[in-house]
C-alpha atoms as a PDB file:
ATOM      1  CA  MET A   1      55.424 -16.019  -0.821  1.00  0.00           C
ATOM      2  CA  GLY A   2      57.945 -13.061  -1.064  1.00  0.00           C
ATOM      3  CA  ARG A   3      58.526 -13.550  -4.775  1.00  0.00           C
ATOM      4  CA  GLU A   4      54.802 -13.524  -5.665  1.00  0.00           C
ATOM      5  CA  LEU A   5      54.356 -10.589  -3.712  1.00  0.00           C
ATOM      6  CA  GLY A   6      57.570  -8.820  -5.299  1.00  0.00           C
ATOM      7  CA  ALA A   7      55.408  -9.370  -8.534  1.00  0.00           C
ATOM      8  CA  VAL A   8      52.844  -7.532  -7.618  1.00  0.00           C
ATOM      9  CA  PRO A   9      53.942  -3.801  -8.287  1.00  0.00           C
ATOM     10  CA  VAL A  10      55.312  -5.232 -12.107  1.00  0.00           C
ATOM     11  CA  TRP A  11      51.743  -6.731 -12.507  1.00  0.00           C
ATOM     12  CA  GLY A  12      50.155  -3.803 -11.283  1.00  0.00           C
ATOM     13  CA  SER A  13      51.911  -0.932 -13.188  1.00  0.00           C
ATOM     14  CA  TRP A  14      51.527  -3.253 -16.186  1.00  0.00           C
ATOM     15  CA  VAL A  15      47.685  -3.124 -15.923  1.00  0.00           C
ATOM     16  CA  SER A  16      47.851   0.443 -14.573  1.00  0.00           C
ATOM     17  CA  ILE A  17      45.616  -0.234 -11.385  1.00  0.00           C
ATOM     18  CA  CYS A  18      48.475   0.635  -8.189  1.00  0.00           C
ATOM     19  CA  ALA A  19      46.719   3.920  -8.388  1.00  0.00           C
ATOM     20  CA  LYS A  20      43.410   2.251  -6.669  1.00  0.00           C
ATOM     21  CA  THR A  21      44.950  -0.524  -5.388  1.00  0.00           C
ATOM     22  CA  GLN A  22      44.621  -0.961  -1.473  1.00  0.00           C
ATOM     23  CA  GLU A  23      45.721  -3.748   1.003  1.00  0.00           C
ATOM     24  CA  ILE A  24      44.890  -4.821   4.178  1.00  0.00           C
ATOM     25  CA  ILE A  25      47.234  -6.737   6.242  1.00  0.00           C
ATOM     26  CA  ILE A  26      45.469  -9.432   8.892  1.00  0.00           C
ATOM     27  CA  THR A  27      48.289 -10.839  10.634  1.00  0.00           C
ATOM     28  CA  LEU A  28      49.484 -12.009  14.282  1.00  0.00           C
ATOM     29  CA  HIS A  29      53.209 -11.392  12.961  1.00  0.00           C
ATOM     30  CA  ALA A  30      54.832  -8.314  11.845  1.00  0.00           C
ATOM     31  CA  PRO A  31      53.377  -7.031   8.684  1.00  0.00           C
ATOM     32  CA  PRO A  32      55.398  -7.580   5.274  1.00  0.00           C
ATOM     33  CA  PRO A  33      57.465  -4.559   3.877  1.00  0.00           C
ATOM     34  CA  LEU A  34      54.920  -2.012   1.925  1.00  0.00           C
ATOM     35  CA  LEU A  35      54.413  -2.638  -1.758  1.00  0.00           C
ATOM     36  CA  PRO A  36      55.527   0.246  -4.062  1.00  0.00           C
ATOM     37  CA  GLY A  37      52.176   1.875  -5.460  1.00  0.00           C
ATOM     38  CA  ILE A  38      49.697   0.067  -3.168  1.00  0.00           C
ATOM     39  CA  LYS A  39      48.158   2.122  -0.151  1.00  0.00           C
ATOM     40  CA  ARG A  40      48.008   0.098   3.125  1.00  0.00           C
ATOM     41  CA  MET A  41      44.747   0.578   5.224  1.00  0.00           C
ATOM     42  CA  THR A  42      43.806  -0.151   8.638  1.00  0.00           C
ATOM     43  CA  SER A  43      40.170  -1.015   7.153  1.00  0.00           C
ATOM     44  CA  LEU A  44      38.509  -1.883   4.006  1.00  0.00           C
ATOM     45  CA  LYS A  45      35.205  -2.248   2.981  1.00  0.00           C
ATOM     46  CA  ILE A  46      34.852  -5.851   1.334  1.00  0.00           C
ATOM     47  CA  VAL A  47      31.700  -6.882  -0.211  1.00  0.00           C
ATOM     48  CA  GLY A  48      29.995  -4.085   1.532  1.00  0.00           C
ATOM     49  CA  VAL A  49      31.101  -4.810   5.227  1.00  0.00           C
ATOM     50  CA  THR A  50      34.103  -2.793   6.658  1.00  0.00           C
ATOM     51  CA  VAL A  51      36.406  -4.792   8.222  1.00  0.00           C
ATOM     52  CA  SER A  52      39.582  -3.493  10.095  1.00  0.00           C
ATOM     53  CA  SER A  53      42.859  -5.174  10.342  1.00  0.00           C
ATOM     54  CA  ASN A  54      42.138  -6.637  13.593  1.00  0.00           C
ATOM     55  CA  LEU A  55      38.963  -8.164  12.242  1.00  0.00           C
ATOM     56  CA  CYS A  56      36.696  -5.922  13.995  1.00  0.00           C
ATOM     57  CA  VAL A  57      33.602  -5.093  12.414  1.00  0.00           C
ATOM     58  CA  SER A  58      32.683  -2.059  14.709  1.00  0.00           C
ATOM     59  CA  GLU A  59      33.103   0.435  12.299  1.00  0.00           C
ATOM     60  CA  HIS A  60      30.884  -1.187  10.317  1.00  0.00           C
ATOM     61  CA  VAL A  61      27.994  -1.467  13.117  1.00  0.00           C
ATOM     62  CA  ARG A  62      28.639   2.195  13.443  1.00  0.00           C
ATOM     63  CA  GLN A  63      27.921   2.899  10.021  1.00  0.00           C
ATOM     64  CA  VAL A  64      25.057   0.706   9.496  1.00  0.00           C
ATOM     65  CA  VAL A  65      23.639   2.171  12.731  1.00  0.00           C
ATOM     66  CA  SER A  66      24.100   5.960  11.392  1.00  0.00           C
ATOM     67  CA  ARG A  67      22.174   5.066   8.070  1.00  0.00           C
ATOM     68  CA  CYS A  68      19.297   3.203   9.923  1.00  0.00           C
ATOM     69  CA  ALA A  69      19.060   6.195  12.263  1.00  0.00           C
ATOM     70  CA  GLN A  70      18.726   8.167   9.084  1.00  0.00           C
ATOM     71  CA  SER A  71      16.238   6.291   7.414  1.00  0.00           C
ATOM     72  CA  LEU A  72      14.378   6.237  10.421  1.00  0.00           C
ATOM     73  CA  HIS A  73      14.071   9.845  10.673  1.00  0.00           C
ATOM     74  CA  ALA A  74      12.363   9.925   7.529  1.00  0.00           C
ATOM     75  CA  LEU A  75      10.055   7.363   8.275  1.00  0.00           C
ATOM     76  CA  ARG A  76       8.971   9.624  11.361  1.00  0.00           C
ATOM     77  CA  ILE A  77       8.623  12.700   8.550  1.00  0.00           C
ATOM     78  CA  LEU A  78       6.381  10.270   6.744  1.00  0.00           C
ATOM     79  CA  ARG A  79       4.332   9.289   9.726  1.00  0.00           C
ATOM     80  CA  SER A  80       3.922  13.096  10.760  1.00  0.00           C
ATOM     81  CA  ARG A  81       2.499  13.586   7.038  1.00  0.00           C
ATOM     82  CA  GLY A  82       0.042  11.162   7.088  1.00  0.00           C
ATOM     83  CA  MET A  83       1.492   8.047   5.611  1.00  0.00           C
ATOM     84  CA  ASP A  84      -0.246   5.072   6.397  1.00  0.00           C
ATOM     85  CA  ASP A  85       1.236   2.269   8.802  1.00  0.00           C
ATOM     86  CA  ASN A  86       1.125  -0.316   6.261  1.00  0.00           C
ATOM     87  CA  ALA A  87       2.929   1.904   3.882  1.00  0.00           C
ATOM     88  CA  LEU A  88       5.385   2.866   6.191  1.00  0.00           C
ATOM     89  CA  LYS A  89       6.188  -0.937   7.257  1.00  0.00           C
ATOM     90  CA  LEU A  90       6.768  -1.673   3.586  1.00  0.00           C
ATOM     91  CA  VAL A  91       9.406   1.385   3.377  1.00  0.00           C
ATOM     92  CA  TYR A  92      10.833   0.257   6.881  1.00  0.00           C
ATOM     93  CA  LYS A  93      10.980  -3.290   5.357  1.00  0.00           C
ATOM     94  CA  SER A  94      12.535  -1.865   2.056  1.00  0.00           C
ATOM     95  CA  VAL A  95      14.975   0.717   3.513  1.00  0.00           C
ATOM     96  CA  VAL A  96      15.759   0.007   7.373  1.00  0.00           C
ATOM     97  CA  LEU A  97      15.728  -3.943   7.651  1.00  0.00           C
ATOM     98  CA  THR A  98      17.586  -4.489   4.483  1.00  0.00           C
ATOM     99  CA  LYS A  99      20.553  -2.594   5.534  1.00  0.00           C
ATOM    100  CA  LEU A 100      20.121  -4.455   8.951  1.00  0.00           C
ATOM    101  CA  THR A 101      20.264  -7.734   7.245  1.00  0.00           C
ATOM    102  CA  CYS A 102      22.049  -7.416   4.352  1.00  0.00           C
ATOM    103  CA  CYS A 103      24.993  -9.409   5.925  1.00  0.00           C
ATOM    104  CA  GLN A 104      23.440 -12.136   8.186  1.00  0.00           C
ATOM    105  CA  CYS A 105      24.462 -14.843   5.731  1.00  0.00           C
ATOM    106  CA  LEU A 106      28.427 -13.591   6.406  1.00  0.00           C
ATOM    107  CA  VAL A 107      28.031 -13.565  10.032  1.00  0.00           C
ATOM    108  CA  GLY A 108      25.770 -15.860  10.987  1.00  0.00           C
ATOM    109  CA  ILE A 109      23.918 -13.495  13.810  1.00  0.00           C
ATOM    110  CA  TYR A 110      20.465 -12.969  12.609  1.00  0.00           C
ATOM    111  CA  HIS A 111      17.858 -15.661  14.112  1.00  0.00           C
ATOM    112  CA  GLY A 112      14.654 -13.801  13.227  1.00  0.00           C
ATOM    113  CA  GLY A 113      11.785 -14.892  11.205  1.00  0.00           C
END
């Protein structure tokens, strides 16, 4: 495996992507040495989910809750300006509910209907 990892910087410089490349190491053992030109991160956003190097998603949950709180505040303003309940429900389902359920198939925690 060391030989393959050693080829990454060569390949990356060839295609000019190392400046954008980031890695996250998920291991129970000592992490491998740093690769030149590749930034090692403690968390990354992968397919819309922020994952930390210890496979914790609490940062992702905090981000989702914060975005939902902002959207709920906007819904409160819309209600105070006279938007009817059916329209509010449609906006809620379109904006807030999609944020909460976007990764349900990945984590398997949503059991609602």
